[in-house]
Amino acid sequence: METSIFFLKFYGYFFFLVAGALLISKKGMEVMIAASKDETHVMFTGMLSLLIGLPVIILHNIWTLDVLGFVTFIGWMSVLKGVVRIAFPSFVVQKMERYKNSESKVWLIIAVLIGAGLMYCGYYPYWC
């Protein structure tokens, strides 16, 4: 139970703060997009994705159709993203070359809302 609450709060704060900061800072968004077009940065962020996702797989591999299953899904997707970024950095760079900055705001708003929802579930767990 404590592990689930920790991961809910962790991912909630992570999504909320990172997406919120990128929504506020135009320069931050430009730097992130530029870094995503460099294979060295892509591989480094792949390792970070593994570091963020592996603890969830090891400590919280709960597959249910609620917020706990969503946290597990986020962990697995983070690991998958990390493996793809490490194994195929040129593929990620190629995809980022076609990225449009205009569509990012919608995804960032969604990430802020998901983060707020996860934080809420972490502080007011409904399954207790």
C-alpha atoms as a PDB file:
ATOM      1  CA  MET A   1       0.000   0.000   0.000  1.00  0.00           C
ATOM      2  CA  GLU A   2       2.745   2.472   0.906  1.00  0.00           C
ATOM      3  CA  THR A   3       4.578   1.620  -2.320  1.00  0.00           C
ATOM      4  CA  SER A   4       1.472   2.343  -4.387  1.00  0.00           C
ATOM      5  CA  ILE A   5       0.939   5.681  -2.679  1.00  0.00           C
ATOM      6  CA  PHE A   6       4.597   6.598  -3.196  1.00  0.00           C
ATOM      7  CA  PHE A   7       4.465   5.875  -6.938  1.00  0.00           C
ATOM      8  CA  LEU A   8       1.148   7.737  -7.308  1.00  0.00           C
ATOM      9  CA  LYS A   9       2.654  10.813  -5.677  1.00  0.00           C
ATOM     10  CA  PHE A  10       5.977  10.439  -7.513  1.00  0.00           C
ATOM     11  CA  TYR A  11       4.455  10.212 -10.988  1.00  0.00           C
ATOM     12  CA  GLY A  12       1.851  12.830 -10.094  1.00  0.00           C
ATOM     13  CA  TYR A  13       4.437  15.386  -9.083  1.00  0.00           C
ATOM     14  CA  PHE A  14       6.735  14.405 -11.960  1.00  0.00           C
ATOM     15  CA  PHE A  15       4.071  14.861 -14.665  1.00  0.00           C
ATOM     16  CA  PHE A  16       2.599  17.973 -13.067  1.00  0.00           C
ATOM     17  CA  LEU A  17       5.888  19.787 -12.523  1.00  0.00           C
ATOM     18  CA  VAL A  18       7.694  18.845 -15.734  1.00  0.00           C
ATOM     19  CA  ALA A  19       4.707  19.455 -18.021  1.00  0.00           C
ATOM     20  CA  GLY A  20       3.785  22.628 -16.141  1.00  0.00           C
ATOM     21  CA  ALA A  21       7.327  23.975 -16.420  1.00  0.00           C
ATOM     22  CA  LEU A  22       7.419  23.230 -20.140  1.00  0.00           C
ATOM     23  CA  LEU A  23       4.046  24.952 -20.622  1.00  0.00           C
ATOM     24  CA  ILE A  24       5.350  28.062 -18.876  1.00  0.00           C
ATOM     25  CA  SER A  25       8.833  28.184 -20.425  1.00  0.00           C
ATOM     26  CA  LYS A  26       9.009  28.539 -24.197  1.00  0.00           C
ATOM     27  CA  LYS A  27      12.813  28.405 -24.016  1.00  0.00           C
ATOM     28  CA  GLY A  28      12.668  25.190 -21.975  1.00  0.00           C
ATOM     29  CA  MET A  29      10.480  23.604 -24.637  1.00  0.00           C
ATOM     30  CA  GLU A  30      12.881  24.678 -27.392  1.00  0.00           C
ATOM     31  CA  VAL A  31      15.861  23.234 -25.493  1.00  0.00           C
ATOM     32  CA  MET A  32      14.019  19.944 -24.918  1.00  0.00           C
ATOM     33  CA  ILE A  33      13.140  19.624 -28.608  1.00  0.00           C
ATOM     34  CA  ALA A  34      16.714  20.481 -29.646  1.00  0.00           C
ATOM     35  CA  ALA A  35      18.108  17.883 -27.217  1.00  0.00           C
ATOM     36  CA  SER A  36      15.755  15.277 -28.687  1.00  0.00           C
ATOM     37  CA  LYS A  37      17.459  15.733 -32.049  1.00  0.00           C
ATOM     38  CA  ASP A  38      20.877  14.679 -30.704  1.00  0.00           C
ATOM     39  CA  GLU A  39      21.593  10.941 -30.398  1.00  0.00           C
ATOM     40  CA  THR A  40      23.750  11.384 -27.300  1.00  0.00           C
ATOM     41  CA  HIS A  41      20.944  13.118 -25.431  1.00  0.00           C
ATOM     42  CA  VAL A  42      18.451  10.537 -26.690  1.00  0.00           C
ATOM     43  CA  MET A  43      20.529   7.690 -25.265  1.00  0.00           C
ATOM     44  CA  PHE A  44      21.033   9.517 -21.963  1.00  0.00           C
ATOM     45  CA  THR A  45      17.303  10.145 -21.591  1.00  0.00           C
ATOM     46  CA  GLY A  46      16.719   6.482 -22.413  1.00  0.00           C
ATOM     47  CA  MET A  47      18.835   5.541 -19.411  1.00  0.00           C
ATOM     48  CA  LEU A  48      16.863   7.995 -17.271  1.00  0.00           C
ATOM     49  CA  SER A  49      13.615   6.426 -18.477  1.00  0.00           C
ATOM     50  CA  LEU A  50      14.899   3.039 -17.386  1.00  0.00           C
ATOM     51  CA  LEU A  51      15.827   4.438 -13.977  1.00  0.00           C
ATOM     52  CA  ILE A  52      12.339   5.882 -13.564  1.00  0.00           C
ATOM     53  CA  GLY A  53      10.444   2.829 -14.862  1.00  0.00           C
ATOM     54  CA  LEU A  54      12.356  -0.152 -13.462  1.00  0.00           C
ATOM     55  CA  PRO A  55      11.470   0.467  -9.795  1.00  0.00           C
ATOM     56  CA  VAL A  56       7.793   0.376 -10.723  1.00  0.00           C
ATOM     57  CA  ILE A  57       8.192  -2.953 -12.508  1.00  0.00           C
ATOM     58  CA  ILE A  58      10.175  -4.428  -9.622  1.00  0.00           C
ATOM     59  CA  LEU A  59       8.150  -3.048  -6.697  1.00  0.00           C
ATOM     60  CA  HIS A  60       4.681  -2.341  -8.088  1.00  0.00           C
ATOM     61  CA  ASN A  61       3.724  -4.782 -10.845  1.00  0.00           C
ATOM     62  CA  ILE A  62      -0.024  -4.580 -10.128  1.00  0.00           C
ATOM     63  CA  TRP A  63      -2.287  -5.075 -13.145  1.00  0.00           C
ATOM     64  CA  THR A  64      -5.771  -3.864 -12.248  1.00  0.00           C
ATOM     65  CA  LEU A  65      -8.274  -1.669 -14.045  1.00  0.00           C
ATOM     66  CA  ASP A  66      -7.832   1.305 -11.756  1.00  0.00           C
ATOM     67  CA  VAL A  67      -5.217   3.909 -10.931  1.00  0.00           C
ATOM     68  CA  LEU A  68      -2.814   1.266  -9.577  1.00  0.00           C
ATOM     69  CA  GLY A  69      -2.820  -0.514 -12.923  1.00  0.00           C
ATOM     70  CA  PHE A  70      -2.277   2.845 -14.624  1.00  0.00           C
ATOM     71  CA  VAL A  71       0.862   3.396 -12.533  1.00  0.00           C
ATOM     72  CA  THR A  72       2.146  -0.039 -13.573  1.00  0.00           C
ATOM     73  CA  PHE A  73       1.357   0.808 -17.202  1.00  0.00           C
ATOM     74  CA  ILE A  74       3.342   4.066 -16.898  1.00  0.00           C
ATOM     75  CA  GLY A  75       6.297   2.113 -15.481  1.00  0.00           C
ATOM     76  CA  TRP A  76       6.273  -0.418 -18.312  1.00  0.00           C
ATOM     77  CA  MET A  77       5.936   2.317 -20.950  1.00  0.00           C
ATOM     78  CA  SER A  78       8.867   4.156 -19.388  1.00  0.00           C
ATOM     79  CA  VAL A  79      11.015   1.029 -19.596  1.00  0.00           C
ATOM     80  CA  LEU A  80       9.930   0.383 -23.187  1.00  0.00           C
ATOM     81  CA  LYS A  81      10.726   3.993 -24.105  1.00  0.00           C
ATOM     82  CA  GLY A  82      14.138   3.695 -22.464  1.00  0.00           C
ATOM     83  CA  VAL A  83      14.992   0.513 -24.343  1.00  0.00           C
ATOM     84  CA  VAL A  84      13.905   2.016 -27.682  1.00  0.00           C
ATOM     85  CA  ARG A  85      15.913   5.197 -27.034  1.00  0.00           C
ATOM     86  CA  ILE A  86      19.047   3.212 -26.141  1.00  0.00           C
ATOM     87  CA  ALA A  87      18.727   0.616 -28.903  1.00  0.00           C
ATOM     88  CA  PHE A  88      17.525   2.907 -31.712  1.00  0.00           C
ATOM     89  CA  PRO A  89      18.591   6.527 -31.045  1.00  0.00           C
ATOM     90  CA  SER A  90      18.620   7.397 -34.746  1.00  0.00           C
ATOM     91  CA  PHE A  91      14.959   6.291 -35.022  1.00  0.00           C
ATOM     92  CA  VAL A  92      13.992   8.691 -32.215  1.00  0.00           C
ATOM     93  CA  VAL A  93      15.981  11.532 -33.802  1.00  0.00           C
ATOM     94  CA  GLN A  94      14.284  10.839 -37.140  1.00  0.00           C
ATOM     95  CA  LYS A  95      10.838  11.012 -35.487  1.00  0.00           C
ATOM     96  CA  MET A  96      11.734  14.265 -33.710  1.00  0.00           C
ATOM     97  CA  GLU A  97      12.742  15.891 -37.007  1.00  0.00           C
ATOM     98  CA  ARG A  98       9.066  15.752 -38.010  1.00  0.00           C
ATOM     99  CA  TYR A  99       7.816  16.986 -34.619  1.00  0.00           C
ATOM    100  CA  LYS A 100       5.638  20.072 -34.591  1.00  0.00           C
ATOM    101  CA  ASN A 101       5.818  22.368 -31.571  1.00  0.00           C
ATOM    102  CA  SER A 102       2.131  23.310 -31.885  1.00  0.00           C
ATOM    103  CA  GLU A 103       0.842  19.852 -30.943  1.00  0.00           C
ATOM    104  CA  SER A 104       2.934  19.721 -27.791  1.00  0.00           C
ATOM    105  CA  LYS A 105       0.747  22.112 -25.779  1.00  0.00           C
ATOM    106  CA  VAL A 106      -2.210  19.735 -25.902  1.00  0.00           C
ATOM    107  CA  TRP A 107      -0.074  16.840 -24.653  1.00  0.00           C
ATOM    108  CA  LEU A 108       1.457  18.994 -21.935  1.00  0.00           C
ATOM    109  CA  ILE A 109      -1.991  20.056 -20.694  1.00  0.00           C
ATOM    110  CA  ILE A 110      -3.050  16.397 -20.635  1.00  0.00           C
ATOM    111  CA  ALA A 111       0.114  15.534 -18.685  1.00  0.00           C
ATOM    112  CA  VAL A 112      -0.587  18.299 -16.133  1.00  0.00           C
ATOM    113  CA  LEU A 113      -4.127  16.972 -15.642  1.00  0.00           C
ATOM    114  CA  ILE A 114      -2.922  13.379 -15.299  1.00  0.00           C
ATOM    115  CA  GLY A 115      -0.304  14.543 -12.802  1.00  0.00           C
ATOM    116  CA  ALA A 116      -2.918  16.388 -10.751  1.00  0.00           C
ATOM    117  CA  GLY A 117      -5.159  13.322 -10.807  1.00  0.00           C
ATOM    118  CA  LEU A 118      -2.369  11.003  -9.702  1.00  0.00           C
ATOM    119  CA  MET A 119      -1.410  13.358  -6.866  1.00  0.00           C
ATOM    120  CA  TYR A 120      -5.032  13.488  -5.751  1.00  0.00           C
ATOM    121  CA  CYS A 121      -5.232   9.684  -5.729  1.00  0.00           C
ATOM    122  CA  GLY A 122      -1.970   9.550  -3.782  1.00  0.00           C
ATOM    123  CA  TYR A 123      -3.181  11.882  -1.065  1.00  0.00           C
ATOM    124  CA  TYR A 124      -6.791  10.640  -0.976  1.00  0.00           C
ATOM    125  CA  PRO A 125      -6.563   6.919  -1.831  1.00  0.00           C
ATOM    126  CA  TYR A 126      -9.996   5.529  -2.613  1.00  0.00           C
ATOM    127  CA  TRP A 127      -9.014   1.867  -2.324  1.00  0.00           C
ATOM    128  CA  CYS A 128      -8.255   2.021   1.443  1.00  0.00           C
END
